[in-house]
Amino acid sequence: MALGFRATDIADSRIKLLKKLKRGFCKLLSFLYFCRPKYKDKNMLDRLQYVKQRFDEISDLIIQPDVIADQKRYVQLNQEYKSIKALVEKREEYIIVLANIDEANEIIADGSDAEMVEMAKMQLEEAKERLPQLEDEIKFMLIPKDPEDAKNVMVEIRAGTGGDEASIFAGDLFRMYTKYCESQGWRTSVVDMNEGTSGGFKEVIFEVTGEDVYGTLKFEAGVHRVQRVPQTETQGRVHTSAATVMVLPEAEEFDVQIDMNDVRVDFFCSSGPGGQSVNTTKSAVRLTHIPTGLVAQCQDQKSQHKNKDKALNVLRSRLYEMELAKKQAEDASKRTSQVSSGDRSAKIRTYNYAQGRVTDHRIGLTLYDLGNIMNGDIQKIVAELQLVNNMEKLKEASEVF
């Protein structure tokens, strides 16, 4: 008996075979897909896991009685806790974005639900767009911070070359910085001042307290130059004057131990505004550190005791900054930095009134917004300086990533 095959039977067989081949091919693609290199940066995840472990460790330590009793350690741990808390939160976002990418890819590879596939594609696109941004943010946050950045500061502004005009300019800088500090929610308090004969200050020292103050203001240290027609000029000629700004991280008692046997204490009458007590009571205090010759004084308060405490704080900060300057000079000799050379006499910025221009010479930044800047709006300059500094640090640490 002859076997016969109908054309329809042959066609059905071919269709079934093709379907089997298609299913097998899809499984092969799926297998190859899941064996692909992942998006995860394992090195970064390892570092973030270490940060999370350290964060959990500190969270436990700062509630221990023995740690709370050790004030120096407690303060240091609290500062570290604050500095890595934001990084731990960024780690959580990073893990979520990676999970979203994996989930979306799995749904797309399965392909059984067209609507879910479309939603997965949208999720994948958003996650892929966010991932490199997030990685850059994390890399910046992983850059080791200067341990001094969280400290409060003592800012000293001294009139330089230019006579009375330099004192007036020093007063303008004082106003600029106090307004900026106010915009940041920081508190300022004048420690000592020596007024200029035509206004402004020959010297003014003020304290700034708040969050990450030194890390924000440290790049303001250096020589600031002004080009304008002085108030005292009768011929309308443009003069160039200068003022020097020092930004000292405020030292805690446990940072610098001062032997009071090495300090000469002098009391004298206050000068300047202050009511009846001025020039009548010896409430002003001058401290001289005999081994180094450093001098600090305060006449801001009517109380001799309060003035002595403030002057001691200034002296402690100057001694601390002296050691810090040595370290920064050593670091500067090892690497070239645009924003921090360790040279306190370097000309860093020019304020040109005729052109309405402010130029920061370290990074070549020029802004034609002098009016707002002198009114305390220096955030753009501060942000650019911090960015350049972070980029330099990131370049140094590039082998880590």
Protein backbone atom coordinates (compact mmCIF):
# COMPACT_ATOMS: atom_id res chain seq x y z
CA MET A 1 0.00 0.00 0.00
CA ALA A 2 1.52 3.28 -1.04
CA LEU A 3 2.01 6.03 1.48
CA GLY A 4 0.65 9.37 0.44
CA PHE A 5 1.25 12.84 1.94
CA ARG A 6 -1.07 15.66 1.37
CA ALA A 7 0.38 19.10 0.68
CA THR A 8 -1.46 20.49 3.71
CA ASP A 9 0.19 17.91 5.97
CA ILE A 10 3.65 18.86 4.69
CA ALA A 11 2.89 22.56 5.21
CA ASP A 12 1.67 21.96 8.78
CA SER A 13 4.81 19.97 9.57
CA ARG A 14 7.04 22.76 8.29
CA ILE A 15 5.16 25.35 10.37
CA LYS A 16 5.52 23.21 13.51
CA LEU A 17 9.25 22.76 12.80
CA LEU A 18 9.75 26.49 12.29
CA LYS A 19 7.94 27.23 15.55
CA LYS A 20 10.21 24.79 17.41
CA LEU A 21 13.29 26.37 15.83
CA LYS A 22 12.02 29.84 16.70
CA ARG A 23 11.45 28.85 20.35
CA GLY A 24 14.89 27.29 20.50
CA PHE A 25 16.48 30.37 18.94
CA CYS A 26 14.70 32.64 21.45
CA LYS A 27 15.96 30.50 24.32
CA LEU A 28 19.50 30.72 22.91
CA LEU A 29 19.23 34.52 22.65
CA SER A 30 17.88 34.67 26.17
CA PHE A 31 20.77 32.52 27.46
CA LEU A 32 23.36 34.67 25.68
CA TYR A 33 21.65 37.83 26.99
CA PHE A 34 21.82 36.77 30.63
CA CYS A 35 25.45 35.74 30.23
CA ARG A 36 26.34 39.26 29.03
CA PRO A 37 28.56 41.63 31.08
CA LYS A 38 26.40 43.51 33.55
CA TYR A 39 26.09 47.29 33.91
CA LYS A 40 27.23 47.07 37.51
CA ASP A 41 30.56 48.67 38.39
CA LYS A 42 31.72 46.03 40.88
CA ASN A 43 34.57 48.17 42.16
CA MET A 44 32.20 51.02 42.95
CA LEU A 45 29.69 48.66 44.59
CA ASP A 46 32.47 47.24 46.77
CA ARG A 47 33.50 50.71 47.90
CA LEU A 48 29.90 51.68 48.57
CA GLN A 49 29.40 48.52 50.60
CA TYR A 50 32.43 49.48 52.70
CA VAL A 51 30.92 52.95 53.21
CA LYS A 52 27.62 51.36 54.31
CA GLN A 53 29.42 49.12 56.79
CA ARG A 54 31.33 52.10 58.19
CA PHE A 55 28.10 54.10 58.44
CA ASP A 56 26.40 51.31 60.40
CA GLU A 57 29.46 51.05 62.64
CA ILE A 58 29.48 54.79 63.39
CA SER A 59 25.70 54.78 63.97
CA ASP A 60 26.29 52.26 66.72
CA LEU A 61 29.38 53.97 68.17
CA ILE A 62 27.90 57.47 68.62
CA ILE A 63 25.30 56.16 71.07
CA GLN A 64 27.86 54.35 73.26
CA PRO A 65 28.42 56.03 76.68
CA ASP A 66 32.22 55.67 76.54
CA VAL A 67 32.33 57.38 73.13
CA ILE A 68 30.04 60.21 74.28
CA ALA A 69 32.34 60.73 77.28
CA ASP A 70 35.36 61.12 74.96
CA GLN A 71 34.49 64.52 73.49
CA LYS A 72 37.23 64.54 70.86
CA ARG A 73 36.28 61.13 69.48
CA TYR A 74 32.56 61.90 69.68
CA VAL A 75 32.93 65.11 67.62
CA GLN A 76 35.10 63.35 65.02
CA LEU A 77 32.63 60.47 64.67
CA ASN A 78 29.68 62.86 64.35
CA GLN A 79 31.46 64.76 61.59
CA GLU A 80 32.21 61.49 59.78
CA TYR A 81 28.59 60.37 60.22
CA LYS A 82 27.30 63.56 58.57
CA SER A 83 29.83 63.35 55.74
CA ILE A 84 28.93 59.79 54.68
CA LYS A 85 25.17 59.86 55.35
CA ALA A 86 24.50 61.49 51.96
CA LEU A 87 26.74 58.91 50.26
CA VAL A 88 24.81 56.04 51.87
CA GLU A 89 21.56 57.56 50.55
CA LYS A 90 23.14 57.84 47.09
CA ARG A 91 24.17 54.17 47.37
CA GLU A 92 20.55 53.18 47.91
CA GLU A 93 19.52 55.09 44.78
CA TYR A 94 22.35 53.44 42.80
CA ILE A 95 21.21 49.94 43.82
CA ILE A 96 17.61 50.75 42.86
CA VAL A 97 18.66 52.04 39.41
CA LEU A 98 20.72 48.89 38.76
CA ALA A 99 17.79 46.71 39.86
CA ASN A 100 15.46 48.63 37.53
CA ILE A 101 17.81 48.00 34.59
CA ASP A 102 17.97 44.27 35.31
CA GLU A 103 14.21 44.02 35.78
CA ALA A 104 13.47 45.91 32.56
CA ASN A 105 15.91 43.76 30.58
CA GLU A 106 14.33 40.56 31.88
CA ILE A 107 10.83 41.71 30.85
CA ILE A 108 12.05 42.74 27.39
CA ALA A 109 13.89 39.43 26.91
CA ASP A 110 10.76 37.49 27.87
CA GLY A 111 8.57 39.51 25.49
CA SER A 112 5.37 37.64 26.38
CA ASP A 113 3.42 40.79 27.35
CA ALA A 114 3.59 43.62 24.79
CA GLU A 115 2.26 46.22 27.23
CA MET A 116 4.78 45.24 29.91
CA VAL A 117 7.56 45.34 27.32
CA GLU A 118 6.68 48.94 26.40
CA MET A 119 6.69 49.95 30.07
CA ALA A 120 9.99 48.13 30.58
CA LYS A 121 11.56 49.98 27.65
CA MET A 122 10.58 53.31 29.20
CA GLN A 123 11.96 52.22 32.57
CA LEU A 124 15.18 51.04 30.94
CA GLU A 125 15.65 54.31 29.06
CA GLU A 126 15.15 56.38 32.25
CA ALA A 127 17.50 54.17 34.26
CA LYS A 128 20.22 54.19 31.60
CA GLU A 129 20.02 57.98 31.44
CA ARG A 130 20.26 58.31 35.23
CA LEU A 131 23.02 55.72 35.76
CA PRO A 132 26.06 57.64 34.38
CA GLN A 133 24.93 60.84 36.15
CA LEU A 134 24.61 58.91 39.39
CA GLU A 135 28.01 57.27 38.97
CA ASP A 136 29.66 60.67 38.44
CA GLU A 137 27.95 62.04 41.55
CA ILE A 138 29.11 59.05 43.58
CA LYS A 139 32.68 59.33 42.27
CA PHE A 140 32.82 62.93 43.44
CA MET A 141 31.39 61.95 46.82
CA LEU A 142 33.94 59.13 47.16
CA ILE A 143 36.79 61.62 46.84
CA PRO A 144 38.41 61.82 50.30
CA LYS A 145 37.32 65.04 52.00
CA ASP A 146 39.65 67.41 53.73
CA PRO A 147 39.07 66.63 57.43
CA GLU A 148 39.14 70.38 58.13
CA ASP A 149 36.22 71.13 55.78
CA ALA A 150 33.55 70.71 58.46
CA LYS A 151 35.20 73.20 60.82
CA ASN A 152 34.07 76.74 61.61
CA VAL A 153 36.48 79.50 60.60
CA MET A 154 38.16 82.71 61.63
CA VAL A 155 38.32 85.13 58.70
CA GLU A 156 40.93 87.90 58.80
CA ILE A 157 40.80 90.75 56.30
CA ARG A 158 43.72 93.18 56.25
CA ALA A 159 44.12 96.30 54.13
CA GLY A 160 47.17 96.06 51.88
CA THR A 161 48.67 98.53 49.42
CA GLY A 162 46.55 101.56 48.64
CA GLY A 163 46.25 103.54 51.88
CA ASP A 164 42.74 104.67 52.81
CA GLU A 165 41.26 103.09 49.67
CA ALA A 166 42.65 99.69 50.74
CA SER A 167 40.87 100.06 54.10
CA ILE A 168 37.62 100.96 52.35
CA PHE A 169 38.01 97.92 50.09
CA ALA A 170 38.67 95.70 53.13
CA GLY A 171 35.35 96.99 54.49
CA ASP A 172 33.65 96.12 51.20
CA LEU A 173 35.02 92.57 51.37
CA PHE A 174 33.83 92.25 54.97
CA ARG A 175 30.33 93.28 53.89
CA MET A 176 30.45 90.86 50.93
CA TYR A 177 31.42 87.90 53.10
CA THR A 178 28.98 88.62 55.92
CA LYS A 179 26.13 88.87 53.40
CA TYR A 180 27.19 85.60 51.78
CA CYS A 181 27.36 83.91 55.18
CA GLU A 182 23.88 85.20 55.96
CA SER A 183 22.57 83.69 52.70
CA GLN A 184 24.06 80.32 53.74
CA GLY A 185 22.41 80.42 57.15
CA TRP A 186 25.75 80.80 58.95
CA ARG A 187 26.34 83.01 61.99
CA THR A 188 29.06 85.68 62.04
CA SER A 189 30.59 87.41 65.03
CA VAL A 190 33.25 90.14 64.99
CA VAL A 191 36.24 89.27 67.17
CA ASP A 192 38.45 92.33 66.61
CA MET A 193 38.61 95.33 64.33
CA ASN A 194 40.81 98.32 63.59
CA GLU A 195 38.84 100.92 61.64
CA GLY A 196 40.33 102.91 58.78
CA THR A 197 40.60 106.69 58.95
CA SER A 198 38.27 107.19 55.96
CA GLY A 199 36.02 104.20 56.53
CA GLY A 200 36.37 100.46 56.22
CA PHE A 201 38.97 98.57 58.23
CA LYS A 202 42.72 98.40 58.48
CA GLU A 203 42.03 94.97 59.90
CA VAL A 204 38.91 93.01 60.85
CA ILE A 205 38.65 89.49 62.27
CA PHE A 206 35.34 87.67 62.45
CA GLU A 207 34.18 84.18 63.31
CA VAL A 208 31.85 82.16 61.06
CA THR A 209 29.94 79.17 62.44
CA GLY A 210 27.77 76.78 60.47
CA GLU A 211 27.93 73.63 58.34
CA ASP A 212 31.00 72.94 56.15
CA VAL A 213 32.18 76.54 56.52
CA TYR A 214 35.90 75.95 56.00
CA GLY A 215 35.28 73.65 53.04
CA THR A 216 33.30 76.46 51.39
CA LEU A 217 35.40 79.52 52.25
CA LYS A 218 38.95 78.14 52.23
CA PHE A 219 39.59 79.12 48.60
CA GLU A 220 38.93 82.79 49.45
CA ALA A 221 42.33 83.05 51.13
CA GLY A 222 44.82 85.21 49.25
CA VAL A 223 45.26 88.73 47.88
CA HIS A 224 42.15 90.45 46.49
CA ARG A 225 42.79 93.42 44.21
CA VAL A 226 40.42 96.28 43.36
CA GLN A 227 40.62 98.68 40.40
CA ARG A 228 38.40 101.75 40.72
CA VAL A 229 38.30 105.49 41.29
CA PRO A 230 38.66 105.86 45.08
CA GLN A 231 36.26 107.95 47.14
CA THR A 232 39.28 110.00 48.18
CA GLU A 233 40.41 110.66 44.56
CA THR A 234 39.72 114.18 43.29
CA GLN A 235 41.18 113.81 39.76
CA GLY A 236 39.02 110.84 38.72
CA ARG A 237 41.99 108.51 38.24
CA VAL A 238 41.65 104.74 38.61
CA HIS A 239 43.74 103.32 41.45
CA THR A 240 44.70 99.75 42.23
CA SER A 241 44.49 98.70 45.87
CA ALA A 242 44.58 95.38 47.64
CA ALA A 243 43.45 93.53 50.74
CA THR A 244 44.56 90.16 52.09
CA VAL A 245 42.05 87.54 53.23
CA MET A 246 43.01 84.72 55.59
CA VAL A 247 40.63 81.85 56.31
CA LEU A 248 41.67 79.87 59.38
CA PRO A 249 39.95 76.64 60.42
CA GLU A 250 38.78 77.13 63.97
CA ALA A 251 40.71 74.80 66.24
CA GLU A 252 39.02 72.95 69.08
CA GLU A 253 40.70 72.71 72.46
CA PHE A 254 41.69 69.10 71.72
CA ASP A 255 43.24 70.14 68.34
CA VAL A 256 45.84 72.46 69.91
CA GLN A 257 47.06 72.32 73.49
CA ILE A 258 48.29 75.74 74.66
CA ASP A 259 50.41 76.00 77.77
CA MET A 260 49.26 79.26 79.38
CA ASN A 261 52.76 79.62 80.87
CA ASP A 262 53.87 80.33 77.28
CA VAL A 263 51.29 83.11 76.85
CA ARG A 264 51.66 86.73 77.94
CA VAL A 265 48.32 88.36 78.73
CA ASP A 266 47.88 92.15 78.43
CA PHE A 267 44.73 94.12 79.23
CA PHE A 268 43.98 97.49 77.66
CA CYS A 269 41.13 99.90 77.02
CA SER A 270 38.84 99.21 74.07
CA SER A 271 38.66 101.62 71.15
CA GLY A 272 35.88 102.36 68.68
CA PRO A 273 32.11 102.23 69.22
CA GLY A 274 30.91 100.72 72.47
CA GLY A 275 29.41 103.34 74.75
CA GLN A 276 30.69 104.53 78.10
CA SER A 277 32.89 101.51 78.75
CA VAL A 278 35.17 102.39 75.81
CA ASN A 279 38.49 103.94 76.91
CA THR A 280 37.41 103.68 80.56
CA THR A 281 37.77 100.01 81.51
CA LYS A 282 40.53 97.60 80.54
CA SER A 283 38.23 94.99 79.03
CA ALA A 284 40.23 94.41 75.84
CA VAL A 285 42.67 91.48 75.91
CA ARG A 286 45.86 90.83 73.98
CA LEU A 287 47.54 87.41 74.07
CA THR A 288 51.12 86.87 72.90
CA HIS A 289 52.35 83.32 72.32
CA ILE A 290 56.00 83.68 73.33
CA PRO A 291 57.45 80.60 71.50
CA THR A 292 56.04 81.66 68.11
CA GLY A 293 55.50 85.40 68.56
CA LEU A 294 51.87 85.08 67.39
CA VAL A 295 49.52 87.72 68.78
CA ALA A 296 45.74 87.61 69.15
CA GLN A 297 43.48 90.19 70.69
CA CYS A 298 39.79 90.86 71.23
CA GLN A 299 37.90 93.96 72.30
CA ASP A 300 34.47 93.12 70.94
CA GLN A 301 32.86 92.25 74.29
CA LYS A 302 32.45 94.43 77.38
CA SER A 303 33.45 91.46 79.52
CA GLN A 304 37.19 90.96 79.99
CA HIS A 305 36.61 87.24 80.51
CA LYS A 306 34.67 86.85 77.22
CA ASN A 307 37.31 88.84 75.33
CA LYS A 308 40.03 86.57 76.72
CA ASP A 309 38.12 83.45 75.61
CA LYS A 310 37.68 84.84 72.09
CA ALA A 311 41.32 85.93 71.85
CA LEU A 312 42.40 82.47 73.00
CA ASN A 313 40.23 80.93 70.30
CA VAL A 314 41.91 83.13 67.66
CA LEU A 315 45.38 82.25 68.98
CA ARG A 316 44.55 78.55 68.96
CA SER A 317 43.29 78.80 65.36
CA ARG A 318 46.43 80.67 64.25
CA LEU A 319 48.69 78.02 65.79
CA TYR A 320 46.61 75.30 64.16
CA GLU A 321 46.68 77.09 60.79
CA MET A 322 50.46 77.47 61.04
CA GLU A 323 50.83 73.68 61.18
CA LEU A 324 48.17 73.24 58.50
CA ALA A 325 49.99 75.70 56.20
CA LYS A 326 53.18 73.64 56.49
CA LYS A 327 51.28 70.50 55.51
CA GLN A 328 49.56 72.25 52.59
CA ALA A 329 52.91 73.60 51.37
CA GLU A 330 54.31 70.07 51.44
CA ASP A 331 51.28 68.77 49.54
CA ALA A 332 51.58 71.60 47.00
CA SER A 333 55.20 70.66 46.31
CA LYS A 334 54.04 67.14 45.41
CA ARG A 335 51.29 68.21 43.00
CA THR A 336 50.25 71.19 40.91
CA SER A 337 46.92 72.68 41.92
CA GLN A 338 45.10 75.58 40.33
CA VAL A 339 43.08 76.59 43.34
CA SER A 340 45.33 75.85 46.30
CA SER A 341 49.05 76.52 46.06
CA GLY A 342 49.79 77.00 49.76
CA ASP A 343 51.01 80.54 48.96
CA ARG A 344 49.00 82.96 51.10
CA SER A 345 50.44 85.96 49.26
CA ALA A 346 49.20 84.86 45.82
CA LYS A 347 46.97 87.30 43.94
CA ILE A 348 43.74 85.38 43.45
CA ARG A 349 41.05 87.83 42.30
CA THR A 350 40.52 91.26 40.73
CA TYR A 351 37.43 93.45 41.10
CA ASN A 352 37.30 95.99 38.24
CA TYR A 353 34.57 98.60 38.87
CA ALA A 354 34.85 100.42 35.53
CA GLN A 355 34.08 97.21 33.62
CA GLY A 356 31.77 95.71 36.26
CA ARG A 357 34.06 92.68 36.15
CA VAL A 358 35.33 90.14 38.66
CA THR A 359 38.12 87.77 37.55
CA ASP A 360 39.45 84.81 39.51
CA HIS A 361 42.97 84.36 38.18
CA ARG A 362 43.45 80.78 39.43
CA ILE A 363 40.80 79.25 37.18
CA GLY A 364 40.42 82.02 34.56
CA LEU A 365 36.81 82.72 35.56
CA THR A 366 35.44 86.16 34.61
CA LEU A 367 31.97 87.36 35.62
CA TYR A 368 30.41 90.67 34.63
CA ASP A 369 28.23 90.85 37.72
CA LEU A 370 30.27 92.93 40.13
CA GLY A 371 27.29 94.62 41.82
CA ASN A 372 25.66 91.37 42.92
CA ILE A 373 28.97 89.81 43.85
CA MET A 374 29.88 92.69 46.16
CA ASN A 375 26.42 92.25 47.70
CA GLY A 376 27.37 88.73 48.73
CA ASP A 377 26.36 86.65 45.70
CA ILE A 378 29.67 84.76 45.36
CA GLN A 379 28.18 81.25 45.14
CA LYS A 380 29.02 80.81 41.45
CA ILE A 381 32.69 81.60 42.13
CA VAL A 382 32.74 79.29 45.15
CA ALA A 383 31.07 76.48 43.18
CA GLU A 384 33.54 76.78 40.26
CA LEU A 385 36.52 76.69 42.62
CA GLN A 386 35.14 73.62 44.39
CA LEU A 387 34.47 71.93 41.04
CA VAL A 388 38.03 72.49 39.80
CA ASN A 389 39.42 71.25 43.11
CA ASN A 390 37.24 68.13 42.97
CA MET A 391 38.24 67.46 39.37
CA GLU A 392 41.90 67.62 40.37
CA LYS A 393 41.28 65.18 43.22
CA LEU A 394 39.28 62.92 40.92
CA LYS A 395 42.12 62.92 38.40
CA GLU A 396 44.57 61.93 41.14
CA ALA A 397 42.28 59.13 42.29
CA SER A 398 41.35 58.02 38.75
CA GLU A 399 43.17 54.71 39.15
CA VAL A 400 40.66 53.81 41.89
CA PHE A 401 37.85 53.84 39.36
